[in-house]
Each structure stands twice: as C-alpha cells, then as structure tokens.
Amino acid sequence: MKVRTLHQPLELDLLEVEHYESKTQENLFFEMVFVLEGEGVQVINDHKLPYAKDKLFLIFPQDKHSFEVKTPSKFFFVRFNESYLKTQEKEWIRKIEYIFHNHNHLPGCILKTITDKPLVRALVEALIREQVNQQPQQQEVIRQIINTLIIISGRNLLLQNPVSNSKITDSNALQLMNYIHQNIYNPRMLKAKELAKHFNVSLTYVSEYFKSIIGESLQNYIIAYKLKLIETRLQYTDIHINELVYELGFSDVSHLNRIFKKYKGVSPSEYRKQAREAN
C-alpha cells in the first residue's frame, strides 16, 4: 500500500482516468474529492459504494482508499495538510473539526441536499478556472472558495446522524448529540437548563434521558467530545494550551491537563510531541 504525503500546504488537482486501476493508498493529509464525470466504485477502509457525477467525498489522514473506475471519469481533488490548517482562522478550524468528528469515514457522497450539488459543482469549476487563468489575488480567491466548500460540507453533515454512536436509532437522542457537537464551544448552551428548554423536556429528565439512550452520562459525553477536539488541535495546529482552556470552558490549564491525562494517559504537551514524532 502506498503512503502519500503532501509537500506543500495546499494542492489542487484535476485527474482524468479511463480504466480501472486499483491502488489502495493512505494519505497523511486531508482530501476532498468531487466527481465531475464518470461512474465507478469508491473504496474507503475496505467499504465500497458507487460514485457518479456530482458526488463529493471526504478522505481523512490514515483512511485507506482507492477508486474502481467503470467509465471514463474526471475527479477534482482539494488536498491540504496541517501546515495549511495552521494558517487558517479559528472559525475555519472549527468547521474542519466538526466535519472530522461527525463524518463516518465510510465511502459515499456527503451531499444530502440536492440543491447543494450544482452549487458545489459551480465552486469546483471556479477553482479550476482560477488555476488556469492566473488572475490577481488568485490564492485569496482559492482560499475563499475552499472555505465555502467546507461550510457546505458541514451543513450537509448536520443532516446526517453523528457518528459517535452508530447503533443509536432514537431520533431525539441523535438530535441531542448533534446539538452538543454544534454548541461545544458555547458552554452556556450545554447547561441542563438550556438543553431542557431547547428539547422541551423536564430539567430533571435531561441527563436521565440521555444516559438511557446513549449509555453514558451527558457530562461524560461532553468531556469525551471535547477531548477529541483537543486531540485534533494538538496534532494538526500550533494552538496554545491556554487557548483551548478558554475555548472549551475549562477552569484553567491545570484543570485541562488533569482531565486530559486522566482519560488519555499523557499530558496534552506529551500527546502533541508523540503525534508529531509519529508523523
């Protein structure tokens, strides 16, 4: 299996292929793939689903993937690595985080809204034109278009079930989990009072209901999700620990360090060091 790295922060690539060529690869970067033309099968982590025109796929670091081409196909790739992430604004990083932690890492188009498909196609075609035309402020325009693609991807993931518990079928519980993921940076919105108000349930019933469906307490679920976000930031950005304290509502640095080490076995700084050495 071929392991691929990205030698620049951002890469755009247009690929046309006419025949089947199975090459399973593992990327050390993020990749968005839009199908402009053709039909075939997308394979991610040994799972298969058909691909066709106007489909958008997400491939994350360490995902094993390949394509089985059945008819002449044209793909457009947007690739970016941790160096690109480090140059982006906080809100953009949060959108990436939401996608990363709510996507199921399985094959299949993430676009669930029909009207978004022509919009995404128009954005991809605009990226192709920007590459060819070499107009002034090209890189700024490209970044803005890519950011728009990220926003649309996140919007469509809101229409899907969160992946934290794939066996959960209760729609109210799934809505609750999505609510937590969307409001994780707003501690006030995660208080039992706000949850009860939003979901129109008794204040005393919120935690009990969540635990009966999910199998763990609401507080533990929130902590676990925060820790996932912290892991992503430590691995892919240079954010300072005290910034994470402020963003995610910990009382101070020692509080975050204590919680992180309790669940992960190492301090945040040691986790970052190990993650960087592994790459």
C-alpha atoms as a PDB file:
ATOM      1  CA  MET A   1       0.000   0.000   0.000  1.00  0.00           C
ATOM      2  CA  LYS A   2       1.310   3.429  -0.958  1.00  0.00           C
ATOM      3  CA  VAL A   3       1.520   6.134   1.718  1.00  0.00           C
ATOM      4  CA  ARG A   4       1.307   9.649   0.314  1.00  0.00           C
ATOM      5  CA  THR A   5       2.456  12.920   1.841  1.00  0.00           C
ATOM      6  CA  LEU A   6       1.788  16.471   0.714  1.00  0.00           C
ATOM      7  CA  HIS A   7       4.869  18.610   0.094  1.00  0.00           C
ATOM      8  CA  GLN A   8       3.011  21.922   0.144  1.00  0.00           C
ATOM      9  CA  PRO A   9       0.208  23.234   2.386  1.00  0.00           C
ATOM     10  CA  LEU A  10      -2.476  23.186  -0.330  1.00  0.00           C
ATOM     11  CA  GLU A  11      -2.795  21.297  -3.606  1.00  0.00           C
ATOM     12  CA  LEU A  12      -5.497  21.309  -6.290  1.00  0.00           C
ATOM     13  CA  ASP A  13      -5.502  18.530  -8.859  1.00  0.00           C
ATOM     14  CA  LEU A  14      -7.679  17.603 -11.837  1.00  0.00           C
ATOM     15  CA  LEU A  15      -7.456  13.925 -12.781  1.00  0.00           C
ATOM     16  CA  GLU A  16      -8.983  12.151 -15.789  1.00  0.00           C
ATOM     17  CA  VAL A  17      -8.853   8.343 -15.967  1.00  0.00           C
ATOM     18  CA  GLU A  18     -10.376   5.899 -18.444  1.00  0.00           C
ATOM     19  CA  HIS A  19      -9.876   2.465 -16.945  1.00  0.00           C
ATOM     20  CA  TYR A  20      -9.815   0.545 -13.683  1.00  0.00           C
ATOM     21  CA  GLU A  21      -6.594   0.767 -11.736  1.00  0.00           C
ATOM     22  CA  SER A  22      -6.811  -0.387  -8.131  1.00  0.00           C
ATOM     23  CA  LYS A  23      -4.181   1.331  -5.996  1.00  0.00           C
ATOM     24  CA  THR A  24      -5.019   1.416  -2.311  1.00  0.00           C
ATOM     25  CA  GLN A  25      -3.437   4.477  -0.718  1.00  0.00           C
ATOM     26  CA  GLU A  26      -3.149   6.013   2.712  1.00  0.00           C
ATOM     27  CA  ASN A  27      -2.864   9.790   2.893  1.00  0.00           C
ATOM     28  CA  LEU A  28      -1.131  11.822   5.555  1.00  0.00           C
ATOM     29  CA  PHE A  29      -3.342  14.799   4.668  1.00  0.00           C
ATOM     30  CA  PHE A  30      -6.982  15.807   4.204  1.00  0.00           C
ATOM     31  CA  GLU A  31      -8.631  15.385   0.821  1.00  0.00           C
ATOM     32  CA  MET A  32     -11.933  16.469  -0.737  1.00  0.00           C
ATOM     33  CA  VAL A  33     -12.856  14.703  -3.981  1.00  0.00           C
ATOM     34  CA  PHE A  34     -15.538  15.936  -6.372  1.00  0.00           C
ATOM     35  CA  VAL A  35     -16.647  13.768  -9.316  1.00  0.00           C
ATOM     36  CA  LEU A  36     -17.098  15.880 -12.433  1.00  0.00           C
ATOM     37  CA  GLU A  37     -17.766  12.953 -14.773  1.00  0.00           C
ATOM     38  CA  GLY A  38     -17.903   9.150 -14.757  1.00  0.00           C
ATOM     39  CA  GLU A  39     -19.079   6.176 -12.727  1.00  0.00           C
ATOM     40  CA  GLY A  40     -17.390   3.552 -10.616  1.00  0.00           C
ATOM     41  CA  VAL A  41     -16.821   2.474  -7.026  1.00  0.00           C
ATOM     42  CA  GLN A  42     -15.146   4.325  -4.182  1.00  0.00           C
ATOM     43  CA  VAL A  43     -13.368   2.192  -1.577  1.00  0.00           C
ATOM     44  CA  ILE A  44     -12.578   3.549   1.896  1.00  0.00           C
ATOM     45  CA  ASN A  45     -11.242   1.318   4.661  1.00  0.00           C
ATOM     46  CA  ASP A  46     -12.435  -1.797   2.754  1.00  0.00           C
ATOM     47  CA  HIS A  47     -16.009  -0.448   2.400  1.00  0.00           C
ATOM     48  CA  LYS A  48     -17.416   0.134  -1.095  1.00  0.00           C
ATOM     49  CA  LEU A  49     -20.094   2.410  -2.555  1.00  0.00           C
ATOM     50  CA  PRO A  50     -20.762   3.581  -6.118  1.00  0.00           C
ATOM     51  CA  TYR A  51     -19.655   7.014  -7.221  1.00  0.00           C
ATOM     52  CA  ALA A  52     -21.179   9.112 -10.007  1.00  0.00           C
ATOM     53  CA  LYS A  53     -21.257  12.633 -11.377  1.00  0.00           C
ATOM     54  CA  ASP A  54     -21.691  15.490  -8.858  1.00  0.00           C
ATOM     55  CA  LYS A  55     -20.661  13.435  -5.817  1.00  0.00           C
ATOM     56  CA  LEU A  56     -18.442  14.923  -3.099  1.00  0.00           C
ATOM     57  CA  PHE A  57     -16.289  12.674  -0.895  1.00  0.00           C
ATOM     58  CA  LEU A  58     -14.111  13.338   2.123  1.00  0.00           C
ATOM     59  CA  ILE A  59     -10.932  11.406   2.823  1.00  0.00           C
ATOM     60  CA  PHE A  60      -9.061  11.925   6.080  1.00  0.00           C
ATOM     61  CA  PRO A  61      -5.493  11.180   7.177  1.00  0.00           C
ATOM     62  CA  GLN A  62      -4.953   7.442   7.696  1.00  0.00           C
ATOM     63  CA  ASP A  63      -8.050   6.489   5.657  1.00  0.00           C
ATOM     64  CA  LYS A  64      -7.188   3.721   3.192  1.00  0.00           C
ATOM     65  CA  HIS A  65      -8.848   4.438  -0.131  1.00  0.00           C
ATOM     66  CA  SER A  66      -8.990   3.703  -3.837  1.00  0.00           C
ATOM     67  CA  PHE A  67     -11.315   4.028  -6.845  1.00  0.00           C
ATOM     68  CA  GLU A  68     -12.575   1.349  -9.208  1.00  0.00           C
ATOM     69  CA  VAL A  69     -13.282   3.153 -12.479  1.00  0.00           C
ATOM     70  CA  LYS A  70     -16.093   1.722 -14.645  1.00  0.00           C
ATOM     71  CA  THR A  71     -16.499   4.565 -17.173  1.00  0.00           C
ATOM     72  CA  PRO A  72     -14.089   7.399 -18.095  1.00  0.00           C
ATOM     73  CA  SER A  73     -14.003   9.609 -15.010  1.00  0.00           C
ATOM     74  CA  LYS A  74     -12.879  13.094 -14.104  1.00  0.00           C
ATOM     75  CA  PHE A  75     -12.057  13.912 -10.466  1.00  0.00           C
ATOM     76  CA  PHE A  76     -11.123  17.191  -8.830  1.00  0.00           C
ATOM     77  CA  PHE A  77      -9.058  16.971  -5.640  1.00  0.00           C
ATOM     78  CA  VAL A  78      -8.580  19.582  -2.923  1.00  0.00           C
ATOM     79  CA  ARG A  79      -5.749  18.475  -0.635  1.00  0.00           C
ATOM     80  CA  PHE A  80      -4.396  20.255   2.427  1.00  0.00           C
ATOM     81  CA  ASN A  81      -2.195  19.291   5.348  1.00  0.00           C
ATOM     82  CA  GLU A  82      -1.551  20.514   8.872  1.00  0.00           C
ATOM     83  CA  SER A  83       0.617  23.372   7.581  1.00  0.00           C
ATOM     84  CA  TYR A  84      -2.414  24.796   5.787  1.00  0.00           C
ATOM     85  CA  LEU A  85      -4.584  24.331   8.874  1.00  0.00           C
ATOM     86  CA  LYS A  86      -2.128  26.360  10.932  1.00  0.00           C
ATOM     87  CA  THR A  87      -2.628  29.372   8.654  1.00  0.00           C
ATOM     88  CA  GLN A  88      -6.419  29.417   8.988  1.00  0.00           C
ATOM     89  CA  GLU A  89      -8.675  31.382  11.285  1.00  0.00           C
ATOM     90  CA  LYS A  90     -10.238  29.822  14.354  1.00  0.00           C
ATOM     91  CA  GLU A  91     -13.758  29.592  12.905  1.00  0.00           C
ATOM     92  CA  TRP A  92     -12.472  27.749   9.846  1.00  0.00           C
ATOM     93  CA  ILE A  93     -10.633  25.265  12.066  1.00  0.00           C
ATOM     94  CA  ARG A  94     -13.846  24.653  13.998  1.00  0.00           C
ATOM     95  CA  LYS A  95     -15.700  23.804  10.792  1.00  0.00           C
ATOM     96  CA  ILE A  96     -12.978  21.297   9.902  1.00  0.00           C
ATOM     97  CA  GLU A  97     -13.225  19.811  13.374  1.00  0.00           C
ATOM     98  CA  TYR A  98     -16.979  19.374  13.074  1.00  0.00           C
ATOM     99  CA  ILE A  99     -16.584  17.569   9.764  1.00  0.00           C
ATOM    100  CA  PHE A 100     -13.724  15.425  11.054  1.00  0.00           C
ATOM    101  CA  HIS A 101     -15.576  14.242  14.153  1.00  0.00           C
ATOM    102  CA  ASN A 102     -19.030  13.817  12.598  1.00  0.00           C
ATOM    103  CA  HIS A 103     -18.077  12.098   9.372  1.00  0.00           C
ATOM    104  CA  ASN A 104     -18.298   8.293   9.437  1.00  0.00           C
ATOM    105  CA  HIS A 105     -15.124   7.710   7.368  1.00  0.00           C
ATOM    106  CA  LEU A 106     -17.099   5.477   5.025  1.00  0.00           C
ATOM    107  CA  PRO A 107     -17.472   5.822   1.256  1.00  0.00           C
ATOM    108  CA  GLY A 108     -20.371   7.779  -0.143  1.00  0.00           C
ATOM    109  CA  CYS A 109     -21.325  11.307  -1.101  1.00  0.00           C
ATOM    110  CA  ILE A 110     -21.765  13.695   1.822  1.00  0.00           C
ATOM    111  CA  LEU A 111     -24.126  15.988  -0.100  1.00  0.00           C
ATOM    112  CA  LYS A 112     -27.614  15.268   1.207  1.00  0.00           C
ATOM    113  CA  THR A 113     -29.228  18.439  -0.140  1.00  0.00           C
ATOM    114  CA  ILE A 114     -29.988  18.187  -3.861  1.00  0.00           C
ATOM    115  CA  THR A 115     -29.660  21.926  -4.387  1.00  0.00           C
ATOM    116  CA  ASP A 116     -26.118  21.870  -2.990  1.00  0.00           C
ATOM    117  CA  LYS A 117     -24.836  19.607  -5.767  1.00  0.00           C
ATOM    118  CA  PRO A 118     -24.956  22.226  -8.563  1.00  0.00           C
ATOM    119  CA  LEU A 119     -23.587  24.789  -6.100  1.00  0.00           C
ATOM    120  CA  VAL A 120     -20.594  22.606  -5.264  1.00  0.00           C
ATOM    121  CA  ARG A 121     -20.051  21.866  -8.951  1.00  0.00           C
ATOM    122  CA  ALA A 122     -20.004  25.609  -9.704  1.00  0.00           C
ATOM    123  CA  LEU A 123     -17.452  26.153  -6.927  1.00  0.00           C
ATOM    124  CA  VAL A 124     -15.225  23.346  -8.213  1.00  0.00           C
ATOM    125  CA  GLU A 125     -15.413  24.715 -11.754  1.00  0.00           C
ATOM    126  CA  ALA A 126     -14.480  28.144 -10.365  1.00  0.00           C
ATOM    127  CA  LEU A 127     -11.415  26.597  -8.694  1.00  0.00           C
ATOM    128  CA  ILE A 128     -10.394  25.027 -11.999  1.00  0.00           C
ATOM    129  CA  ARG A 129     -10.735  28.394 -13.766  1.00  0.00           C
ATOM    130  CA  GLU A 130      -8.687  30.137 -11.081  1.00  0.00           C
ATOM    131  CA  GLN A 131      -5.892  27.639 -11.565  1.00  0.00           C
ATOM    132  CA  VAL A 132      -5.834  28.206 -15.319  1.00  0.00           C
ATOM    133  CA  ASN A 133      -6.361  31.967 -15.544  1.00  0.00           C
ATOM    134  CA  GLN A 134      -3.739  33.169 -13.040  1.00  0.00           C
ATOM    135  CA  GLN A 135      -5.681  36.298 -12.121  1.00  0.00           C
ATOM    136  CA  PRO A 136      -4.594  38.818  -9.450  1.00  0.00           C
ATOM    137  CA  GLN A 137      -5.300  37.739  -5.826  1.00  0.00           C
ATOM    138  CA  GLN A 138      -5.636  34.174  -7.079  1.00  0.00           C
ATOM    139  CA  GLN A 139      -4.653  32.495  -3.819  1.00  0.00           C
ATOM    140  CA  GLU A 140      -7.063  34.559  -1.759  1.00  0.00           C
ATOM    141  CA  VAL A 141      -9.943  33.676  -4.097  1.00  0.00           C
ATOM    142  CA  ILE A 142      -8.999  29.995  -3.985  1.00  0.00           C
ATOM    143  CA  ARG A 143      -8.963  30.010  -0.182  1.00  0.00           C
ATOM    144  CA  GLN A 144     -12.379  31.650  -0.044  1.00  0.00           C
ATOM    145  CA  ILE A 145     -13.866  29.071  -2.416  1.00  0.00           C
ATOM    146  CA  ILE A 146     -12.363  26.201  -0.418  1.00  0.00           C
ATOM    147  CA  ASN A 147     -13.735  27.685   2.799  1.00  0.00           C
ATOM    148  CA  THR A 148     -17.172  27.786   1.187  1.00  0.00           C
ATOM    149  CA  LEU A 149     -16.847  24.103   0.270  1.00  0.00           C
ATOM    150  CA  ILE A 150     -16.026  23.357   3.911  1.00  0.00           C
ATOM    151  CA  ILE A 151     -19.116  25.250   5.114  1.00  0.00           C
ATOM    152  CA  ILE A 152     -21.356  23.384   2.667  1.00  0.00           C
ATOM    153  CA  SER A 153     -19.849  20.067   3.764  1.00  0.00           C
ATOM    154  CA  GLY A 154     -20.564  20.880   7.389  1.00  0.00           C
ATOM    155  CA  ARG A 155     -24.111  21.939   6.584  1.00  0.00           C
ATOM    156  CA  ASN A 156     -24.801  18.614   4.908  1.00  0.00           C
ATOM    157  CA  LEU A 157     -23.308  16.682   7.807  1.00  0.00           C
ATOM    158  CA  LEU A 158     -25.861  18.391  10.036  1.00  0.00           C
ATOM    159  CA  LEU A 159     -28.479  16.425   8.099  1.00  0.00           C
ATOM    160  CA  GLN A 160     -26.776  13.132   8.896  1.00  0.00           C
ATOM    161  CA  ASN A 161     -26.529  11.188  12.111  1.00  0.00           C
ATOM    162  CA  PRO A 162     -23.475  11.911  14.264  1.00  0.00           C
ATOM    163  CA  VAL A 163     -21.019   9.023  14.272  1.00  0.00           C
ATOM    164  CA  SER A 164     -20.182   8.814  17.952  1.00  0.00           C
ATOM    165  CA  ASN A 165     -22.720   6.034  18.446  1.00  0.00           C
ATOM    166  CA  SER A 166     -23.599   4.390  15.146  1.00  0.00           C
ATOM    167  CA  LYS A 167     -26.007   1.940  16.804  1.00  0.00           C
ATOM    168  CA  ILE A 168     -28.250   4.669  18.179  1.00  0.00           C
ATOM    169  CA  THR A 169     -31.585   4.878  16.409  1.00  0.00           C
ATOM    170  CA  ASP A 170     -33.611   7.191  18.650  1.00  0.00           C
ATOM    171  CA  SER A 171     -34.049  10.392  16.629  1.00  0.00           C
ATOM    172  CA  ASN A 172     -34.341  12.590  19.722  1.00  0.00           C
ATOM    173  CA  ALA A 173     -31.008  11.298  21.041  1.00  0.00           C
ATOM    174  CA  LEU A 174     -29.358  11.894  17.661  1.00  0.00           C
ATOM    175  CA  GLN A 175     -30.664  15.450  17.642  1.00  0.00           C
ATOM    176  CA  LEU A 176     -29.326  15.940  21.150  1.00  0.00           C
ATOM    177  CA  MET A 177     -25.876  14.701  20.126  1.00  0.00           C
ATOM    178  CA  ASN A 178     -25.847  16.995  17.104  1.00  0.00           C
ATOM    179  CA  TYR A 179     -26.850  19.889  19.349  1.00  0.00           C
ATOM    180  CA  ILE A 180     -23.889  19.166  21.637  1.00  0.00           C
ATOM    181  CA  HIS A 181     -21.469  18.993  18.719  1.00  0.00           C
ATOM    182  CA  GLN A 182     -22.725  22.275  17.294  1.00  0.00           C
ATOM    183  CA  ASN A 183     -22.552  24.106  20.632  1.00  0.00           C
ATOM    184  CA  ILE A 184     -19.417  22.563  22.112  1.00  0.00           C
ATOM    185  CA  TYR A 185     -17.672  25.970  22.124  1.00  0.00           C
ATOM    186  CA  ASN A 186     -20.558  27.619  23.937  1.00  0.00           C
ATOM    187  CA  PRO A 187     -20.643  26.121  27.467  1.00  0.00           C
ATOM    188  CA  ARG A 188     -23.731  28.100  28.409  1.00  0.00           C
ATOM    189  CA  MET A 189     -25.745  26.303  25.710  1.00  0.00           C
ATOM    190  CA  LEU A 190     -24.693  22.926  27.124  1.00  0.00           C
ATOM    191  CA  LYS A 191     -26.121  23.511  30.560  1.00  0.00           C
ATOM    192  CA  ALA A 192     -29.016  21.242  31.526  1.00  0.00           C
ATOM    193  CA  LYS A 193     -31.345  24.249  31.684  1.00  0.00           C
ATOM    194  CA  GLU A 194     -30.660  25.203  28.065  1.00  0.00           C
ATOM    195  CA  LEU A 195     -30.900  21.602  26.866  1.00  0.00           C
ATOM    196  CA  ALA A 196     -34.241  21.138  28.610  1.00  0.00           C
ATOM    197  CA  LYS A 197     -35.538  24.346  27.070  1.00  0.00           C
ATOM    198  CA  HIS A 198     -34.309  23.526  23.571  1.00  0.00           C
ATOM    199  CA  PHE A 199     -35.732  19.997  23.543  1.00  0.00           C
ATOM    200  CA  ASN A 200     -38.852  20.834  25.538  1.00  0.00           C
ATOM    201  CA  VAL A 201     -38.235  18.259  28.255  1.00  0.00           C
ATOM    202  CA  SER A 202     -38.158  18.426  32.031  1.00  0.00           C
ATOM    203  CA  LEU A 203     -34.953  19.791  33.529  1.00  0.00           C
ATOM    204  CA  THR A 204     -34.714  16.784  35.845  1.00  0.00           C
ATOM    205  CA  TYR A 205     -35.155  14.393  32.905  1.00  0.00           C
ATOM    206  CA  VAL A 206     -32.423  15.643  30.531  1.00  0.00           C
ATOM    207  CA  SER A 207     -29.481  13.700  31.984  1.00  0.00           C
ATOM    208  CA  GLU A 208     -31.527  10.582  32.714  1.00  0.00           C
ATOM    209  CA  TYR A 209     -32.932  10.501  29.180  1.00  0.00           C
ATOM    210  CA  PHE A 210     -29.530  10.988  27.582  1.00  0.00           C
ATOM    211  CA  LYS A 211     -27.936   8.225  29.647  1.00  0.00           C
ATOM    212  CA  SER A 212     -30.780   5.806  28.968  1.00  0.00           C
ATOM    213  CA  ILE A 213     -30.279   6.189  25.213  1.00  0.00           C
ATOM    214  CA  ILE A 214     -26.520   6.748  24.873  1.00  0.00           C
ATOM    215  CA  GLY A 215     -25.346   4.575  27.723  1.00  0.00           C
ATOM    216  CA  GLU A 216     -23.213   7.240  29.384  1.00  0.00           C
ATOM    217  CA  SER A 217     -23.855  10.437  31.260  1.00  0.00           C
ATOM    218  CA  LEU A 218     -24.336  13.710  29.460  1.00  0.00           C
ATOM    219  CA  GLN A 219     -21.320  15.183  31.250  1.00  0.00           C
ATOM    220  CA  ASN A 220     -19.042  12.296  30.273  1.00  0.00           C
ATOM    221  CA  TYR A 221     -20.176  12.559  26.651  1.00  0.00           C
ATOM    222  CA  ILE A 222     -19.400  16.280  26.576  1.00  0.00           C
ATOM    223  CA  ILE A 223     -15.958  15.708  28.113  1.00  0.00           C
ATOM    224  CA  ALA A 224     -15.180  12.883  25.661  1.00  0.00           C
ATOM    225  CA  TYR A 225     -16.133  15.063  22.693  1.00  0.00           C
ATOM    226  CA  LYS A 226     -14.046  17.964  23.990  1.00  0.00           C
ATOM    227  CA  LEU A 227     -11.068  15.635  24.342  1.00  0.00           C
ATOM    228  CA  LYS A 228     -11.464  14.512  20.714  1.00  0.00           C
ATOM    229  CA  LEU A 229     -11.341  18.156  19.624  1.00  0.00           C
ATOM    230  CA  ILE A 230      -8.289  18.791  21.783  1.00  0.00           C
ATOM    231  CA  GLU A 231      -6.506  15.799  20.232  1.00  0.00           C
ATOM    232  CA  THR A 232      -7.196  17.160  16.743  1.00  0.00           C
ATOM    233  CA  ARG A 233      -5.924  20.636  17.642  1.00  0.00           C
ATOM    234  CA  LEU A 234      -2.788  19.266  19.299  1.00  0.00           C
ATOM    235  CA  GLN A 235      -1.996  17.093  16.301  1.00  0.00           C
ATOM    236  CA  TYR A 236      -2.768  19.476  13.457  1.00  0.00           C
ATOM    237  CA  THR A 237      -2.320  23.021  14.817  1.00  0.00           C
ATOM    238  CA  ASP A 238       0.081  25.034  16.980  1.00  0.00           C
ATOM    239  CA  ILE A 239      -2.642  26.310  19.297  1.00  0.00           C
ATOM    240  CA  HIS A 240      -1.500  27.075  22.847  1.00  0.00           C
ATOM    241  CA  ILE A 241      -2.980  25.016  25.676  1.00  0.00           C
ATOM    242  CA  ASN A 242      -4.353  28.116  27.401  1.00  0.00           C
ATOM    243  CA  GLU A 243      -6.334  28.951  24.251  1.00  0.00           C
ATOM    244  CA  LEU A 244      -8.024  25.537  24.444  1.00  0.00           C
ATOM    245  CA  VAL A 245      -8.836  26.215  28.090  1.00  0.00           C
ATOM    246  CA  TYR A 246     -10.688  29.377  27.115  1.00  0.00           C
ATOM    247  CA  GLU A 247     -12.395  27.949  24.024  1.00  0.00           C
ATOM    248  CA  LEU A 248     -13.697  24.770  25.620  1.00  0.00           C
ATOM    249  CA  GLY A 249     -14.684  26.119  29.009  1.00  0.00           C
ATOM    250  CA  PHE A 250     -12.104  24.560  31.349  1.00  0.00           C
ATOM    251  CA  SER A 251     -11.428  26.483  34.562  1.00  0.00           C
ATOM    252  CA  ASP A 252      -7.656  26.733  33.968  1.00  0.00           C
ATOM    253  CA  VAL A 253      -4.690  24.952  32.376  1.00  0.00           C
ATOM    254  CA  SER A 254      -4.227  22.567  35.279  1.00  0.00           C
ATOM    255  CA  HIS A 255      -7.882  21.516  35.003  1.00  0.00           C
ATOM    256  CA  LEU A 256      -7.482  20.696  31.305  1.00  0.00           C
ATOM    257  CA  ASN A 257      -4.169  18.886  31.931  1.00  0.00           C
ATOM    258  CA  ARG A 258      -5.717  16.825  34.727  1.00  0.00           C
ATOM    259  CA  ILE A 259      -8.757  15.773  32.671  1.00  0.00           C
ATOM    260  CA  PHE A 260      -6.714  15.029  29.549  1.00  0.00           C
ATOM    261  CA  LYS A 261      -4.181  12.896  31.420  1.00  0.00           C
ATOM    262  CA  LYS A 262      -6.955  11.051  33.263  1.00  0.00           C
ATOM    263  CA  TYR A 263      -8.574   9.892  30.004  1.00  0.00           C
ATOM    264  CA  LYS A 264      -5.568   9.764  27.651  1.00  0.00           C
ATOM    265  CA  GLY A 265      -2.770   8.725  29.980  1.00  0.00           C
ATOM    266  CA  VAL A 266      -0.438  11.566  28.980  1.00  0.00           C
ATOM    267  CA  SER A 267      -0.434  15.340  29.250  1.00  0.00           C
ATOM    268  CA  PRO A 268      -1.559  17.452  26.265  1.00  0.00           C
ATOM    269  CA  SER A 269       2.022  18.563  25.573  1.00  0.00           C
ATOM    270  CA  GLU A 270       3.279  14.975  25.627  1.00  0.00           C
ATOM    271  CA  TYR A 271       0.427  13.896  23.342  1.00  0.00           C
ATOM    272  CA  ARG A 272       1.373  16.632  20.851  1.00  0.00           C
ATOM    273  CA  LYS A 273       5.015  15.562  20.933  1.00  0.00           C
ATOM    274  CA  GLN A 274       4.146  11.915  20.327  1.00  0.00           C
ATOM    275  CA  ALA A 275       1.736  12.790  17.495  1.00  0.00           C
ATOM    276  CA  ARG A 276       4.340  14.943  15.744  1.00  0.00           C
ATOM    277  CA  GLU A 277       7.034  12.299  16.091  1.00  0.00           C
ATOM    278  CA  ALA A 278       4.664   9.665  14.640  1.00  0.00           C
ATOM    279  CA  ASN A 279       4.204  11.793  11.512  1.00  0.00           C
END
